[in-house]
Amino acid sequence: MADLLEMPAPPATGVRATTRSKPGHLEIDLDVTSEAVPIVRTIVLAHLKLWALHGLTEPVTLTVSELLTNVLKHVPSDARTGARSARLTVTRLPGALNVCVRDFDQAFPVPTSAAADAEDGRGLQLVRAFADDFGWAPANSGKDVWANFTIPSGKPSDGPRRREAS
């Protein structure tokens, strides 16, 4: 089936990204910047609505924001280009949705125990609280950081589930 969307982001945004989408699969290659994160979140939100996964919009878009922000904060920029490149994939599986961010830094995330009022250090805690499963693994020249979300049975518009952060 033909791609639903394959186009670079408009240069006026200052965001360099290429988006590819097929039913049940979204892939975005991007230079992660603070400007790119909300744009990517909006694209993911549109796809979740298109796939009738309204009950997952809040936890999934939050997770996308947190994982991309971690790339921005913790992955060193490329010495040649100055970019922090990453690939985001969102894949609908039978009964679940997988979100994966691949970056090109081999250092694994280091979960911290931040205070409830801390402005930094809570991203992985939030991802763990929203996702049904979460982890990371080595990948070619970097790592994959992923989160899985169970697709709620019943009406697609069921509200998001929340769990306490551990």
Protein backbone atom coordinates (compact mmCIF):
# COMPACT_ATOMS: atom_id res chain seq x y z
CA MET A 1 0.00 0.00 0.00
CA ALA A 2 1.26 3.49 -0.79
CA ASP A 3 2.58 5.71 1.98
CA LEU A 4 -0.05 7.91 3.56
CA LEU A 5 2.50 10.61 4.15
CA GLU A 6 6.07 10.97 2.97
CA MET A 7 7.36 14.50 3.06
CA PRO A 8 10.03 16.52 4.79
CA ALA A 9 8.93 19.06 7.37
CA PRO A 10 8.59 22.57 5.95
CA PRO A 11 11.91 24.41 6.19
CA ALA A 12 10.21 27.45 7.74
CA THR A 13 9.95 25.59 11.05
CA GLY A 14 13.70 25.06 11.25
CA VAL A 15 12.95 21.37 11.83
CA ARG A 16 14.64 18.72 9.70
CA ALA A 17 12.52 15.57 9.59
CA THR A 18 11.21 12.97 7.19
CA THR A 19 7.95 11.23 7.98
CA ARG A 20 6.77 7.93 6.52
CA SER A 21 3.41 6.46 7.36
CA LYS A 22 1.51 3.32 6.43
CA PRO A 23 -1.55 1.88 8.14
CA GLY A 24 -0.45 0.96 11.66
CA HIS A 25 3.12 2.22 11.27
CA LEU A 26 4.66 5.69 11.59
CA GLU A 27 8.37 6.38 11.17
CA ILE A 28 10.05 9.76 11.60
CA ASP A 29 13.76 10.42 11.04
CA LEU A 30 14.68 13.73 12.59
CA ASP A 31 17.28 16.04 14.00
CA VAL A 32 16.04 16.35 17.57
CA THR A 33 15.66 19.99 18.62
CA SER A 34 13.39 21.71 21.13
CA GLU A 35 11.35 22.93 18.14
CA ALA A 36 10.97 19.42 16.72
CA VAL A 37 9.52 17.77 19.84
CA PRO A 38 6.05 19.46 19.78
CA ILE A 39 5.81 19.03 16.00
CA VAL A 40 6.52 15.31 16.27
CA ARG A 41 4.05 15.02 19.16
CA THR A 42 1.35 16.59 16.94
CA ILE A 43 2.12 14.14 14.12
CA VAL A 44 1.92 11.18 16.51
CA LEU A 45 -1.36 12.49 17.95
CA ALA A 46 -2.87 12.72 14.46
CA HIS A 47 -1.87 9.13 13.71
CA LEU A 48 -3.30 7.82 16.99
CA LYS A 49 -6.60 9.50 16.14
CA LEU A 50 -6.46 8.11 12.59
CA TRP A 51 -5.93 4.62 14.05
CA ALA A 52 -8.86 5.18 16.49
CA LEU A 53 -6.57 4.90 19.53
CA HIS A 54 -8.06 7.89 21.34
CA GLY A 55 -7.57 6.27 24.76
CA LEU A 56 -3.80 6.20 24.25
CA THR A 57 -3.27 9.77 23.04
CA GLU A 58 -2.15 11.24 26.38
CA PRO A 59 0.25 8.51 27.56
CA VAL A 60 1.76 7.95 24.12
CA THR A 61 2.32 11.63 23.27
CA LEU A 62 3.81 12.19 26.73
CA THR A 63 6.14 9.23 26.18
CA VAL A 64 7.19 10.53 22.76
CA SER A 65 7.97 13.93 24.30
CA GLU A 66 9.98 12.41 27.15
CA LEU A 67 12.00 10.04 24.95
CA LEU A 68 12.85 12.76 22.42
CA THR A 69 13.71 15.21 25.21
CA ASN A 70 16.10 12.59 26.60
CA VAL A 71 17.84 12.49 23.22
CA LEU A 72 18.07 16.28 23.25
CA LYS A 73 19.48 16.40 26.80
CA HIS A 74 21.70 13.33 26.93
CA VAL A 75 22.88 12.35 23.43
CA PRO A 76 25.99 14.20 22.29
CA SER A 77 25.62 16.11 19.05
CA ASP A 78 27.38 14.77 15.98
CA ALA A 79 30.85 16.35 15.76
CA ARG A 80 30.53 16.86 12.01
CA THR A 81 26.93 18.09 11.67
CA GLY A 82 26.07 19.27 15.18
CA ALA A 83 22.80 17.31 14.96
CA ARG A 84 21.26 14.86 17.40
CA SER A 85 19.67 12.44 14.98
CA ALA A 86 17.02 9.92 15.98
CA ARG A 87 14.34 7.71 14.48
CA LEU A 88 10.92 7.47 16.10
CA THR A 89 8.71 4.53 15.20
CA VAL A 90 5.16 4.01 16.36
CA THR A 91 3.78 0.61 15.45
CA ARG A 92 0.35 -0.84 16.04
CA LEU A 93 0.65 -4.52 16.95
CA PRO A 94 -2.13 -7.00 17.77
CA GLY A 95 -3.38 -5.73 21.14
CA ALA A 96 -0.55 -3.25 21.70
CA LEU A 97 1.18 -0.13 20.47
CA ASN A 98 4.98 0.10 20.42
CA VAL A 99 6.85 3.41 20.58
CA CYS A 100 10.59 3.25 19.92
CA VAL A 101 13.25 5.96 19.70
CA ARG A 102 16.57 4.94 18.18
CA ASP A 103 19.46 7.31 18.71
CA PHE A 104 23.10 6.95 17.81
CA ASP A 105 24.62 7.04 21.29
CA GLN A 106 25.53 3.70 22.86
CA ALA A 107 25.12 4.93 26.45
CA PHE A 108 21.98 3.48 28.02
CA PRO A 109 19.51 5.66 29.93
CA VAL A 110 20.18 5.98 33.65
CA PRO A 111 16.94 6.13 35.66
CA THR A 112 17.10 8.50 38.61
CA SER A 113 14.96 9.07 41.68
CA ALA A 114 13.97 12.70 41.32
CA ALA A 115 11.85 14.52 43.86
CA ALA A 116 8.20 15.10 42.95
CA ASP A 117 8.85 18.84 42.48
CA ALA A 118 12.10 18.41 40.50
CA GLU A 119 12.19 19.94 37.04
CA ASP A 120 14.62 17.35 35.65
CA GLY A 121 15.20 13.65 36.09
CA ARG A 122 11.60 12.42 36.07
CA GLY A 123 11.24 11.52 32.37
CA LEU A 124 11.89 7.80 32.65
CA GLN A 125 9.71 7.64 35.78
CA LEU A 126 6.86 9.17 33.79
CA VAL A 127 7.38 6.80 30.88
CA ARG A 128 7.40 3.83 33.27
CA ALA A 129 4.18 5.10 34.87
CA PHE A 130 2.31 5.47 31.58
CA ALA A 131 3.64 2.47 29.62
CA ASP A 132 2.70 -1.15 30.21
CA ASP A 133 6.25 -2.22 29.37
CA PHE A 134 9.42 -0.17 28.91
CA GLY A 135 13.10 -0.75 28.27
CA TRP A 136 16.13 -0.30 26.05
CA ALA A 137 18.46 -2.43 24.00
CA PRO A 138 21.62 -1.96 21.96
CA ALA A 139 21.09 -1.24 18.26
CA ASN A 140 23.38 -0.58 15.32
CA SER A 141 25.66 2.27 16.42
CA GLY A 142 23.34 3.27 19.24
CA LYS A 143 20.33 2.10 21.21
CA ASP A 144 16.58 1.65 21.05
CA VAL A 145 14.51 3.00 23.93
CA TRP A 146 10.98 1.63 23.73
CA ALA A 147 7.63 1.57 25.46
CA ASN A 148 4.63 -0.67 24.87
CA PHE A 149 1.02 0.27 25.54
CA THR A 150 -1.83 -2.21 25.74
CA ILE A 151 -4.62 -1.18 23.41
CA PRO A 152 -7.73 -0.94 25.60
CA SER A 153 -10.43 -3.40 24.70
CA GLY A 154 -13.90 -2.05 24.17
CA LYS A 155 -14.56 1.39 22.81
CA PRO A 156 -11.52 3.07 21.17
CA SER A 157 -12.29 6.27 23.10
CA ASP A 158 -11.64 4.75 26.55
CA GLY A 159 -9.61 7.18 28.65
CA PRO A 160 -5.91 6.77 29.40
CA ARG A 161 -4.74 4.54 32.21
CA ARG A 162 -2.50 5.93 34.91
CA ARG A 163 -0.23 4.06 37.27
CA GLU A 164 1.94 5.31 40.06
CA ALA A 165 5.57 5.90 39.11
CA SER A 166 7.93 3.44 40.77
